[in-house]
Amino acid sequence: MLDALETLDPAPAVYDRLGVRYVNRLVGDNLIDDLPSLVRTEILGPTNIDRSDAELVASVSQSIFH
């Protein structure tokens, strides 16, 4: 992975870390409707609101729990 980073022109002079992000996607007509039965509703964010008059196209969030 660092080899690909070094092929950039100009190459970064200094880097101390490089990360890879994983994305979980739900694809299907009714999967978002099933979320409250799979995940605690307190952490569902905008997926937990009434969407009868709107279509949720994308949602990005980060949560850290101890």
N, C-alpha and C. Protein backbone atom coordinates (compact mmCIF):
# COMPACT_ATOMS: atom_id res chain seq x y z
N MET A 1 0.82 -1.18 0.00
CA MET A 1 0.00 0.00 0.00
C MET A 1 0.87 1.25 0.00
N LEU A 2 1.95 1.25 0.75
CA LEU A 2 2.82 2.41 0.78
C LEU A 2 3.50 2.63 -0.55
N ASP A 3 3.72 1.55 -1.31
CA ASP A 3 4.30 1.70 -2.64
C ASP A 3 3.40 2.55 -3.53
N ALA A 4 2.08 2.32 -3.45
CA ALA A 4 1.14 3.11 -4.24
C ALA A 4 1.15 4.57 -3.81
N LEU A 5 1.29 4.82 -2.53
CA LEU A 5 1.34 6.19 -2.03
C LEU A 5 2.56 6.91 -2.58
N GLU A 6 3.68 6.21 -2.66
CA GLU A 6 4.92 6.83 -3.13
C GLU A 6 4.92 7.09 -4.63
N THR A 7 3.99 6.54 -5.38
CA THR A 7 3.93 6.80 -6.82
C THR A 7 3.26 8.14 -7.12
N LEU A 8 2.70 8.79 -6.12
CA LEU A 8 2.08 10.09 -6.33
C LEU A 8 3.14 11.11 -6.72
N ASP A 9 2.75 12.06 -7.55
CA ASP A 9 3.68 13.10 -7.97
C ASP A 9 3.11 14.45 -7.61
N PRO A 10 3.64 15.17 -6.70
CA PRO A 10 4.83 14.85 -5.92
C PRO A 10 4.49 13.88 -4.79
N ALA A 11 5.45 13.04 -4.45
CA ALA A 11 5.27 12.08 -3.36
C ALA A 11 5.22 12.82 -2.04
N PRO A 12 4.39 12.36 -1.10
CA PRO A 12 4.36 13.00 0.23
C PRO A 12 5.73 12.97 0.88
N ALA A 13 6.13 14.08 1.44
CA ALA A 13 7.45 14.16 2.09
C ALA A 13 7.48 13.35 3.38
N VAL A 14 6.38 13.41 4.14
CA VAL A 14 6.33 12.72 5.42
C VAL A 14 4.93 12.14 5.60
N TYR A 15 4.85 10.95 6.08
CA TYR A 15 3.57 10.36 6.48
C TYR A 15 3.83 9.46 7.67
N ASP A 16 2.89 9.45 8.60
CA ASP A 16 3.08 8.62 9.78
C ASP A 16 2.05 7.51 9.89
N ARG A 17 1.00 7.57 9.07
CA ARG A 17 0.05 6.47 9.05
C ARG A 17 -0.81 6.56 7.80
N LEU A 18 -1.32 5.43 7.42
CA LEU A 18 -2.20 5.35 6.27
C LEU A 18 -3.30 4.36 6.64
N GLY A 19 -4.55 4.74 6.46
CA GLY A 19 -5.64 3.87 6.89
C GLY A 19 -6.50 3.42 5.74
N VAL A 20 -7.23 2.36 5.99
CA VAL A 20 -8.20 1.83 5.05
C VAL A 20 -9.54 1.80 5.77
N ARG A 21 -10.56 2.33 5.13
CA ARG A 21 -11.88 2.41 5.75
C ARG A 21 -12.78 1.32 5.18
N TYR A 22 -13.50 0.68 6.06
CA TYR A 22 -14.47 -0.32 5.65
C TYR A 22 -15.86 0.31 5.69
N VAL A 23 -16.67 0.01 4.72
CA VAL A 23 -18.02 0.56 4.65
C VAL A 23 -19.00 -0.61 4.66
N ASN A 24 -19.94 -0.56 5.59
CA ASN A 24 -21.00 -1.55 5.63
C ASN A 24 -22.20 -0.99 4.88
N ARG A 25 -22.68 -1.71 3.89
CA ARG A 25 -23.81 -1.24 3.09
C ARG A 25 -24.97 -2.20 3.23
N LEU A 26 -26.15 -1.64 3.30
CA LEU A 26 -27.38 -2.43 3.26
C LEU A 26 -28.01 -2.20 1.91
N VAL A 27 -28.22 -3.26 1.17
CA VAL A 27 -28.83 -3.15 -0.15
C VAL A 27 -30.09 -4.00 -0.15
N GLY A 28 -31.18 -3.39 -0.50
CA GLY A 28 -32.45 -4.11 -0.54
C GLY A 28 -33.59 -3.20 -0.14
N ASP A 29 -34.77 -3.56 -0.52
CA ASP A 29 -35.92 -2.70 -0.31
C ASP A 29 -36.31 -2.55 1.16
N ASN A 30 -36.27 -3.62 1.94
CA ASN A 30 -36.81 -3.57 3.30
C ASN A 30 -35.76 -3.67 4.39
N LEU A 31 -34.48 -3.67 4.04
CA LEU A 31 -33.46 -3.87 5.06
C LEU A 31 -33.40 -2.73 6.06
N ILE A 32 -33.57 -1.49 5.63
CA ILE A 32 -33.55 -0.38 6.58
C ILE A 32 -34.74 -0.49 7.53
N ASP A 33 -35.86 -0.96 7.04
CA ASP A 33 -37.03 -1.14 7.90
C ASP A 33 -36.78 -2.21 8.97
N ASP A 34 -35.89 -3.16 8.71
CA ASP A 34 -35.59 -4.22 9.67
C ASP A 34 -34.55 -3.82 10.71
N LEU A 35 -33.88 -2.67 10.54
CA LEU A 35 -32.82 -2.27 11.46
C LEU A 35 -33.24 -2.23 12.92
N PRO A 36 -34.40 -1.69 13.27
CA PRO A 36 -34.75 -1.65 14.70
C PRO A 36 -34.80 -3.04 15.36
N SER A 37 -35.00 -4.08 14.59
CA SER A 37 -35.00 -5.43 15.18
C SER A 37 -33.58 -6.00 15.25
N LEU A 38 -32.62 -5.36 14.60
CA LEU A 38 -31.24 -5.86 14.56
C LEU A 38 -30.27 -5.04 15.42
N VAL A 39 -30.56 -3.73 15.58
CA VAL A 39 -29.66 -2.81 16.28
C VAL A 39 -30.48 -2.02 17.29
N ARG A 40 -29.89 -1.72 18.44
CA ARG A 40 -30.59 -0.91 19.44
C ARG A 40 -31.01 0.41 18.82
N THR A 41 -32.25 0.79 19.01
CA THR A 41 -32.80 1.97 18.36
C THR A 41 -32.11 3.27 18.78
N GLU A 42 -31.48 3.29 19.96
CA GLU A 42 -30.80 4.51 20.41
C GLU A 42 -29.64 4.91 19.51
N ILE A 43 -29.06 3.96 18.80
CA ILE A 43 -27.89 4.29 17.97
C ILE A 43 -28.20 4.30 16.47
N LEU A 44 -29.44 4.24 16.10
CA LEU A 44 -29.79 4.20 14.67
C LEU A 44 -29.76 5.57 14.00
N GLY A 45 -29.76 6.66 14.76
CA GLY A 45 -29.70 7.99 14.17
C GLY A 45 -30.83 8.25 13.19
N PRO A 46 -30.51 8.84 12.03
CA PRO A 46 -31.55 9.21 11.07
C PRO A 46 -32.28 8.02 10.45
N THR A 47 -31.73 6.82 10.60
CA THR A 47 -32.44 5.66 10.06
C THR A 47 -33.64 5.29 10.92
N ASN A 48 -33.76 5.90 12.10
CA ASN A 48 -34.81 5.56 13.05
C ASN A 48 -35.96 6.57 13.04
N ILE A 49 -36.03 7.45 12.06
CA ILE A 49 -37.12 8.42 11.99
C ILE A 49 -38.15 7.97 10.97
N ASP A 50 -39.33 8.53 11.06
CA ASP A 50 -40.39 8.21 10.11
C ASP A 50 -40.00 8.71 8.73
N ARG A 51 -39.93 7.80 7.76
CA ARG A 51 -39.52 8.16 6.42
C ARG A 51 -40.66 8.02 5.43
N SER A 52 -41.89 8.16 5.88
CA SER A 52 -43.02 7.99 4.98
C SER A 52 -43.07 9.07 3.91
N ASP A 53 -42.48 10.24 4.18
CA ASP A 53 -42.49 11.31 3.19
C ASP A 53 -41.10 11.63 2.66
N ALA A 54 -40.09 10.79 2.95
CA ALA A 54 -38.73 11.04 2.48
C ALA A 54 -38.01 9.71 2.28
N GLU A 55 -37.05 9.72 1.39
CA GLU A 55 -36.22 8.54 1.15
C GLU A 55 -34.82 8.82 1.67
N LEU A 56 -34.33 8.00 2.58
CA LEU A 56 -32.98 8.12 3.10
C LEU A 56 -32.02 7.62 2.02
N VAL A 57 -31.22 8.50 1.48
CA VAL A 57 -30.31 8.16 0.39
C VAL A 57 -28.94 7.77 0.93
N ALA A 58 -28.46 8.48 1.95
CA ALA A 58 -27.16 8.17 2.53
C ALA A 58 -27.12 8.68 3.97
N SER A 59 -26.34 8.03 4.79
CA SER A 59 -26.15 8.45 6.17
C SER A 59 -24.73 8.08 6.59
N VAL A 60 -24.01 9.06 7.14
CA VAL A 60 -22.64 8.83 7.58
C VAL A 60 -22.55 9.23 9.04
N SER A 61 -22.00 8.37 9.87
CA SER A 61 -21.83 8.71 11.27
C SER A 61 -20.69 7.91 11.88
N GLN A 62 -20.23 8.39 13.01
CA GLN A 62 -19.20 7.67 13.76
C GLN A 62 -19.61 7.71 15.22
N SER A 63 -19.57 6.57 15.86
CA SER A 63 -19.91 6.46 17.28
C SER A 63 -18.85 5.63 17.98
N ILE A 64 -18.49 6.06 19.18
CA ILE A 64 -17.53 5.31 19.98
C ILE A 64 -18.19 5.07 21.34
N PHE A 65 -18.31 3.83 21.72
CA PHE A 65 -18.91 3.46 23.00
C PHE A 65 -17.88 2.77 23.86
N HIS A 66 -17.89 3.08 25.15
CA HIS A 66 -17.03 2.38 26.12
C HIS A 66 -17.91 1.50 26.97
